[in-house]
Amino acid sequence: VTQGSPLSPTVFNLCQDFVLKQIADADVSSIHGFKIHQNVENIAIVGFSDDTTIIAKNLASATTLVNIAKDLFSTVGMQINPTKSTIINVEDGQLVPKSLTLLDNSVIPPVEGNTCIKYLGVNFNDEIVFDRKSFLSQLEK
Protein backbone atom coordinates (compact mmCIF):
# COMPACT_ATOMS: atom_id res chain seq x y z
CA VAL A 1 0.00 0.00 0.00
CA THR A 2 1.53 3.31 -1.02
CA GLN A 3 1.76 6.32 1.25
CA GLY A 4 -1.25 8.54 0.67
CA SER A 5 -3.53 5.63 -0.19
CA PRO A 6 -6.84 5.59 1.72
CA LEU A 7 -5.79 2.19 3.10
CA SER A 8 -2.41 3.42 4.32
CA PRO A 9 -3.50 4.60 7.80
CA THR A 10 -5.43 1.38 8.42
CA VAL A 11 -2.56 -0.86 7.36
CA PHE A 12 -0.14 1.23 9.45
CA ASN A 13 -2.38 0.91 12.52
CA LEU A 14 -2.72 -2.86 12.06
CA CYS A 15 1.06 -3.25 11.81
CA GLN A 16 1.74 -0.99 14.77
CA ASP A 17 -0.96 -2.71 16.82
CA PHE A 18 0.72 -6.08 16.20
CA VAL A 19 3.98 -4.77 17.70
CA LEU A 20 2.27 -2.99 20.60
CA LYS A 21 0.35 -6.13 21.59
CA GLN A 22 3.42 -8.37 21.46
CA ILE A 23 5.50 -6.11 23.71
CA ALA A 24 2.61 -5.22 26.04
CA ASP A 25 1.98 -8.93 26.60
CA ALA A 26 2.28 -9.80 30.30
CA ASP A 27 5.05 -12.34 29.63
CA VAL A 28 7.25 -9.56 28.22
CA SER A 29 6.14 -6.55 30.27
CA SER A 30 6.34 -8.40 33.59
CA ILE A 31 10.05 -9.02 32.97
CA HIS A 32 11.17 -5.83 31.22
CA GLY A 33 8.43 -3.26 31.83
CA PHE A 34 8.32 -0.43 34.34
CA LYS A 35 6.25 -0.83 37.51
CA ILE A 36 4.09 2.26 37.94
CA HIS A 37 2.11 0.97 40.91
CA GLN A 38 1.93 -2.32 42.78
CA ASN A 39 -1.71 -2.87 41.70
CA VAL A 40 -1.06 -2.16 38.01
CA GLU A 41 0.65 -4.40 35.47
CA ASN A 42 4.06 -3.24 34.30
CA ILE A 43 4.05 -0.94 31.29
CA ALA A 44 6.49 -1.69 28.48
CA ILE A 45 5.21 0.19 25.43
CA VAL A 46 2.80 2.95 24.47
CA GLY A 47 1.85 4.30 21.10
CA PHE A 48 0.21 7.49 19.97
CA SER A 49 -0.33 8.14 16.28
CA ASP A 50 3.01 7.28 14.66
CA ASP A 51 5.04 7.61 17.88
CA THR A 52 6.00 4.47 19.76
CA THR A 53 7.60 4.69 23.19
CA ILE A 54 9.36 1.85 24.97
CA ILE A 55 9.20 2.10 28.77
CA ALA A 56 11.48 -0.24 30.70
CA LYS A 57 12.72 -0.84 34.22
CA ASN A 58 16.37 -0.23 33.26
CA LEU A 59 18.69 0.31 30.30
CA ALA A 60 19.28 -3.42 29.74
CA SER A 61 15.53 -4.07 29.54
CA ALA A 62 15.06 -1.06 27.26
CA THR A 63 17.72 -2.47 24.94
CA THR A 64 15.99 -5.85 24.91
CA LEU A 65 12.58 -4.30 24.23
CA VAL A 66 13.86 -2.09 21.40
CA ASN A 67 15.56 -5.10 19.79
CA ILE A 68 12.31 -7.07 20.06
CA ALA A 69 10.34 -4.13 18.63
CA LYS A 70 12.84 -3.76 15.81
CA ASP A 71 12.44 -7.44 14.87
CA LEU A 72 8.64 -7.27 15.12
CA PHE A 73 8.43 -4.11 13.02
CA SER A 74 10.68 -5.80 10.46
CA THR A 75 8.28 -8.76 10.16
CA VAL A 76 5.52 -6.36 9.04
CA GLY A 77 7.74 -4.36 6.70
CA MET A 78 8.40 -1.43 9.03
CA GLN A 79 11.60 -0.27 10.69
CA ILE A 80 12.92 1.76 13.59
CA ASN A 81 15.16 4.62 12.54
CA PRO A 82 17.77 5.05 15.32
CA THR A 83 18.76 8.49 13.98
CA LYS A 84 15.17 9.70 14.54
CA SER A 85 14.94 8.06 17.96
CA THR A 86 16.06 9.27 21.38
CA ILE A 87 16.54 7.55 24.70
CA ILE A 88 15.42 9.24 27.88
CA ASN A 89 17.19 7.35 30.66
CA VAL A 90 16.08 8.18 34.20
CA GLU A 91 17.84 6.57 37.15
CA ASP A 92 16.80 7.39 40.72
CA GLY A 93 14.77 10.33 39.44
CA GLN A 94 17.69 11.87 37.55
CA LEU A 95 18.25 12.09 33.81
CA VAL A 96 21.35 10.02 32.97
CA PRO A 97 22.68 10.50 29.43
CA LYS A 98 23.41 6.95 28.25
CA SER A 99 22.99 5.76 24.69
CA LEU A 100 21.34 2.50 23.73
CA THR A 101 23.23 0.11 21.42
CA LEU A 102 21.16 -2.39 19.46
CA LEU A 103 22.17 -5.89 18.34
CA ASP A 104 23.03 -4.56 14.87
CA ASN A 105 25.38 -2.03 16.57
CA SER A 106 23.18 0.94 15.65
CA VAL A 107 23.02 3.47 18.46
CA ILE A 108 20.07 5.46 19.79
CA PRO A 109 21.47 8.67 21.31
CA PRO A 110 20.41 9.98 24.73
CA VAL A 111 18.85 13.25 25.73
CA GLU A 112 21.65 15.24 27.31
CA GLY A 113 21.52 18.23 29.64
CA ASN A 114 22.02 20.74 26.84
CA THR A 115 19.45 19.09 24.56
CA CYS A 116 15.71 19.56 24.67
CA ILE A 117 13.15 17.39 22.95
CA LYS A 118 9.40 17.74 23.04
CA TYR A 119 7.29 14.59 23.21
CA LEU A 120 3.51 14.86 23.33
CA GLY A 121 3.65 18.34 24.83
CA VAL A 122 6.29 17.62 27.49
CA ASN A 123 9.81 19.02 27.21
CA PHE A 124 12.64 16.68 28.17
CA ASN A 125 16.18 17.82 28.92
CA ASP A 126 18.10 17.70 32.19
CA GLU A 127 14.74 17.99 33.91
CA ILE A 128 11.17 17.26 32.93
CA VAL A 129 9.27 20.49 32.40
CA PHE A 130 5.51 20.57 32.02
CA ASP A 131 4.38 24.04 31.01
CA ARG A 132 0.77 23.95 32.20
CA LYS A 133 -0.12 27.36 30.75
CA SER A 134 1.26 26.46 27.33
CA PHE A 135 -0.41 23.05 27.43
CA LEU A 136 -3.83 24.51 28.28
CA SER A 137 -3.37 27.16 25.61
CA GLN A 138 -2.72 24.45 23.01
CA LEU A 139 -5.85 22.57 24.10
CA GLU A 140 -7.98 25.67 23.54
CA LYS A 141 -6.89 25.96 19.89
C-alpha atoms as a PDB file:
ATOM      1  CA  VAL A   1       0.000   0.000   0.000  1.00  0.00           C
ATOM      2  CA  THR A   2       1.534   3.314  -1.016  1.00  0.00           C
ATOM      3  CA  GLN A   3       1.764   6.321   1.254  1.00  0.00           C
ATOM      4  CA  GLY A   4      -1.255   8.544   0.669  1.00  0.00           C
ATOM      5  CA  SER A   5      -3.527   5.632  -0.185  1.00  0.00           C
ATOM      6  CA  PRO A   6      -6.843   5.586   1.719  1.00  0.00           C
ATOM      7  CA  LEU A   7      -5.795   2.185   3.096  1.00  0.00           C
ATOM      8  CA  SER A   8      -2.414   3.421   4.315  1.00  0.00           C
ATOM      9  CA  PRO A   9      -3.500   4.599   7.804  1.00  0.00           C
ATOM     10  CA  THR A  10      -5.434   1.384   8.422  1.00  0.00           C
ATOM     11  CA  VAL A  11      -2.556  -0.861   7.361  1.00  0.00           C
ATOM     12  CA  PHE A  12      -0.139   1.229   9.452  1.00  0.00           C
ATOM     13  CA  ASN A  13      -2.379   0.914  12.522  1.00  0.00           C
ATOM     14  CA  LEU A  14      -2.720  -2.857  12.056  1.00  0.00           C
ATOM     15  CA  CYS A  15       1.056  -3.255  11.806  1.00  0.00           C
ATOM     16  CA  GLN A  16       1.742  -0.990  14.773  1.00  0.00           C
ATOM     17  CA  ASP A  17      -0.961  -2.705  16.822  1.00  0.00           C
ATOM     18  CA  PHE A  18       0.716  -6.075  16.205  1.00  0.00           C
ATOM     19  CA  VAL A  19       3.981  -4.767  17.698  1.00  0.00           C
ATOM     20  CA  LEU A  20       2.270  -2.986  20.602  1.00  0.00           C
ATOM     21  CA  LYS A  21       0.351  -6.126  21.591  1.00  0.00           C
ATOM     22  CA  GLN A  22       3.422  -8.373  21.464  1.00  0.00           C
ATOM     23  CA  ILE A  23       5.502  -6.112  23.713  1.00  0.00           C
ATOM     24  CA  ALA A  24       2.610  -5.217  26.037  1.00  0.00           C
ATOM     25  CA  ASP A  25       1.981  -8.935  26.604  1.00  0.00           C
ATOM     26  CA  ALA A  26       2.280  -9.797  30.304  1.00  0.00           C
ATOM     27  CA  ASP A  27       5.050 -12.343  29.634  1.00  0.00           C
ATOM     28  CA  VAL A  28       7.245  -9.561  28.223  1.00  0.00           C
ATOM     29  CA  SER A  29       6.142  -6.548  30.268  1.00  0.00           C
ATOM     30  CA  SER A  30       6.342  -8.398  33.593  1.00  0.00           C
ATOM     31  CA  ILE A  31      10.052  -9.022  32.973  1.00  0.00           C
ATOM     32  CA  HIS A  32      11.166  -5.830  31.219  1.00  0.00           C
ATOM     33  CA  GLY A  33       8.431  -3.258  31.830  1.00  0.00           C
ATOM     34  CA  PHE A  34       8.318  -0.434  34.340  1.00  0.00           C
ATOM     35  CA  LYS A  35       6.250  -0.833  37.507  1.00  0.00           C
ATOM     36  CA  ILE A  36       4.095   2.263  37.939  1.00  0.00           C
ATOM     37  CA  HIS A  37       2.106   0.973  40.909  1.00  0.00           C
ATOM     38  CA  GLN A  38       1.926  -2.318  42.781  1.00  0.00           C
ATOM     39  CA  ASN A  39      -1.705  -2.874  41.698  1.00  0.00           C
ATOM     40  CA  VAL A  40      -1.059  -2.161  38.014  1.00  0.00           C
ATOM     41  CA  GLU A  41       0.646  -4.402  35.468  1.00  0.00           C
ATOM     42  CA  ASN A  42       4.063  -3.243  34.304  1.00  0.00           C
ATOM     43  CA  ILE A  43       4.050  -0.943  31.294  1.00  0.00           C
ATOM     44  CA  ALA A  44       6.492  -1.685  28.479  1.00  0.00           C
ATOM     45  CA  ILE A  45       5.212   0.189  25.433  1.00  0.00           C
ATOM     46  CA  VAL A  46       2.798   2.951  24.471  1.00  0.00           C
ATOM     47  CA  GLY A  47       1.852   4.298  21.102  1.00  0.00           C
ATOM     48  CA  PHE A  48       0.209   7.492  19.969  1.00  0.00           C
ATOM     49  CA  SER A  49      -0.333   8.139  16.280  1.00  0.00           C
ATOM     50  CA  ASP A  50       3.007   7.280  14.661  1.00  0.00           C
ATOM     51  CA  ASP A  51       5.037   7.612  17.884  1.00  0.00           C
ATOM     52  CA  THR A  52       6.002   4.472  19.762  1.00  0.00           C
ATOM     53  CA  THR A  53       7.599   4.688  23.195  1.00  0.00           C
ATOM     54  CA  ILE A  54       9.363   1.846  24.972  1.00  0.00           C
ATOM     55  CA  ILE A  55       9.197   2.097  28.774  1.00  0.00           C
ATOM     56  CA  ALA A  56      11.479  -0.238  30.697  1.00  0.00           C
ATOM     57  CA  LYS A  57      12.721  -0.839  34.219  1.00  0.00           C
ATOM     58  CA  ASN A  58      16.365  -0.231  33.256  1.00  0.00           C
ATOM     59  CA  LEU A  59      18.689   0.312  30.300  1.00  0.00           C
ATOM     60  CA  ALA A  60      19.275  -3.421  29.735  1.00  0.00           C
ATOM     61  CA  SER A  61      15.533  -4.071  29.537  1.00  0.00           C
ATOM     62  CA  ALA A  62      15.064  -1.055  27.263  1.00  0.00           C
ATOM     63  CA  THR A  63      17.721  -2.470  24.944  1.00  0.00           C
ATOM     64  CA  THR A  64      15.988  -5.854  24.911  1.00  0.00           C
ATOM     65  CA  LEU A  65      12.579  -4.299  24.226  1.00  0.00           C
ATOM     66  CA  VAL A  66      13.861  -2.091  21.404  1.00  0.00           C
ATOM     67  CA  ASN A  67      15.563  -5.095  19.794  1.00  0.00           C
ATOM     68  CA  ILE A  68      12.308  -7.072  20.065  1.00  0.00           C
ATOM     69  CA  ALA A  69      10.338  -4.135  18.627  1.00  0.00           C
ATOM     70  CA  LYS A  70      12.841  -3.763  15.810  1.00  0.00           C
ATOM     71  CA  ASP A  71      12.442  -7.438  14.873  1.00  0.00           C
ATOM     72  CA  LEU A  72       8.644  -7.274  15.125  1.00  0.00           C
ATOM     73  CA  PHE A  73       8.429  -4.106  13.021  1.00  0.00           C
ATOM     74  CA  SER A  74      10.676  -5.799  10.463  1.00  0.00           C
ATOM     75  CA  THR A  75       8.277  -8.757  10.155  1.00  0.00           C
ATOM     76  CA  VAL A  76       5.516  -6.359   9.045  1.00  0.00           C
ATOM     77  CA  GLY A  77       7.743  -4.361   6.701  1.00  0.00           C
ATOM     78  CA  MET A  78       8.401  -1.427   9.031  1.00  0.00           C
ATOM     79  CA  GLN A  79      11.596  -0.274  10.687  1.00  0.00           C
ATOM     80  CA  ILE A  80      12.920   1.761  13.586  1.00  0.00           C
ATOM     81  CA  ASN A  81      15.159   4.620  12.540  1.00  0.00           C
ATOM     82  CA  PRO A  82      17.769   5.050  15.322  1.00  0.00           C
ATOM     83  CA  THR A  83      18.759   8.487  13.976  1.00  0.00           C
ATOM     84  CA  LYS A  84      15.172   9.698  14.538  1.00  0.00           C
ATOM     85  CA  SER A  85      14.939   8.058  17.962  1.00  0.00           C
ATOM     86  CA  THR A  86      16.055   9.267  21.377  1.00  0.00           C
ATOM     87  CA  ILE A  87      16.540   7.545  24.700  1.00  0.00           C
ATOM     88  CA  ILE A  88      15.424   9.243  27.882  1.00  0.00           C
ATOM     89  CA  ASN A  89      17.190   7.346  30.661  1.00  0.00           C
ATOM     90  CA  VAL A  90      16.076   8.175  34.196  1.00  0.00           C
ATOM     91  CA  GLU A  91      17.841   6.565  37.153  1.00  0.00           C
ATOM     92  CA  ASP A  92      16.804   7.385  40.719  1.00  0.00           C
ATOM     93  CA  GLY A  93      14.766  10.328  39.443  1.00  0.00           C
ATOM     94  CA  GLN A  94      17.687  11.874  37.550  1.00  0.00           C
ATOM     95  CA  LEU A  95      18.254  12.091  33.813  1.00  0.00           C
ATOM     96  CA  VAL A  96      21.350  10.016  32.974  1.00  0.00           C
ATOM     97  CA  PRO A  97      22.678  10.497  29.425  1.00  0.00           C
ATOM     98  CA  LYS A  98      23.411   6.945  28.251  1.00  0.00           C
ATOM     99  CA  SER A  99      22.989   5.764  24.686  1.00  0.00           C
ATOM    100  CA  LEU A 100      21.337   2.496  23.733  1.00  0.00           C
ATOM    101  CA  THR A 101      23.231   0.111  21.424  1.00  0.00           C
ATOM    102  CA  LEU A 102      21.161  -2.392  19.463  1.00  0.00           C
ATOM    103  CA  LEU A 103      22.168  -5.887  18.338  1.00  0.00           C
ATOM    104  CA  ASP A 104      23.034  -4.560  14.869  1.00  0.00           C
ATOM    105  CA  ASN A 105      25.382  -2.028  16.568  1.00  0.00           C
ATOM    106  CA  SER A 106      23.184   0.936  15.652  1.00  0.00           C
ATOM    107  CA  VAL A 107      23.015   3.475  18.464  1.00  0.00           C
ATOM    108  CA  ILE A 108      20.072   5.461  19.789  1.00  0.00           C
ATOM    109  CA  PRO A 109      21.466   8.666  21.315  1.00  0.00           C
ATOM    110  CA  PRO A 110      20.412   9.979  24.725  1.00  0.00           C
ATOM    111  CA  VAL A 111      18.854  13.250  25.727  1.00  0.00           C
ATOM    112  CA  GLU A 112      21.650  15.243  27.311  1.00  0.00           C
ATOM    113  CA  GLY A 113      21.519  18.227  29.638  1.00  0.00           C
ATOM    114  CA  ASN A 114      22.020  20.741  26.838  1.00  0.00           C
ATOM    115  CA  THR A 115      19.449  19.088  24.564  1.00  0.00           C
ATOM    116  CA  CYS A 116      15.709  19.563  24.671  1.00  0.00           C
ATOM    117  CA  ILE A 117      13.147  17.395  22.946  1.00  0.00           C
ATOM    118  CA  LYS A 118       9.396  17.742  23.045  1.00  0.00           C
ATOM    119  CA  TYR A 119       7.293  14.593  23.213  1.00  0.00           C
ATOM    120  CA  LEU A 120       3.510  14.863  23.333  1.00  0.00           C
ATOM    121  CA  GLY A 121       3.654  18.343  24.834  1.00  0.00           C
ATOM    122  CA  VAL A 122       6.290  17.619  27.487  1.00  0.00           C
ATOM    123  CA  ASN A 123       9.814  19.025  27.208  1.00  0.00           C
ATOM    124  CA  PHE A 124      12.643  16.681  28.165  1.00  0.00           C
ATOM    125  CA  ASN A 125      16.182  17.818  28.922  1.00  0.00           C
ATOM    126  CA  ASP A 126      18.098  17.700  32.189  1.00  0.00           C
ATOM    127  CA  GLU A 127      14.735  17.988  33.915  1.00  0.00           C
ATOM    128  CA  ILE A 128      11.173  17.257  32.930  1.00  0.00           C
ATOM    129  CA  VAL A 129       9.274  20.493  32.401  1.00  0.00           C
ATOM    130  CA  PHE A 130       5.512  20.568  32.023  1.00  0.00           C
ATOM    131  CA  ASP A 131       4.380  24.038  31.011  1.00  0.00           C
ATOM    132  CA  ARG A 132       0.767  23.947  32.199  1.00  0.00           C
ATOM    133  CA  LYS A 133      -0.122  27.359  30.753  1.00  0.00           C
ATOM    134  CA  SER A 134       1.257  26.463  27.329  1.00  0.00           C
ATOM    135  CA  PHE A 135      -0.410  23.051  27.431  1.00  0.00           C
ATOM    136  CA  LEU A 136      -3.825  24.512  28.281  1.00  0.00           C
ATOM    137  CA  SER A 137      -3.374  27.165  25.613  1.00  0.00           C
ATOM    138  CA  GLN A 138      -2.722  24.446  23.015  1.00  0.00           C
ATOM    139  CA  LEU A 139      -5.849  22.574  24.104  1.00  0.00           C
ATOM    140  CA  GLU A 140      -7.978  25.667  23.541  1.00  0.00           C
ATOM    141  CA  LYS A 141      -6.891  25.956  19.890  1.00  0.00           C
END
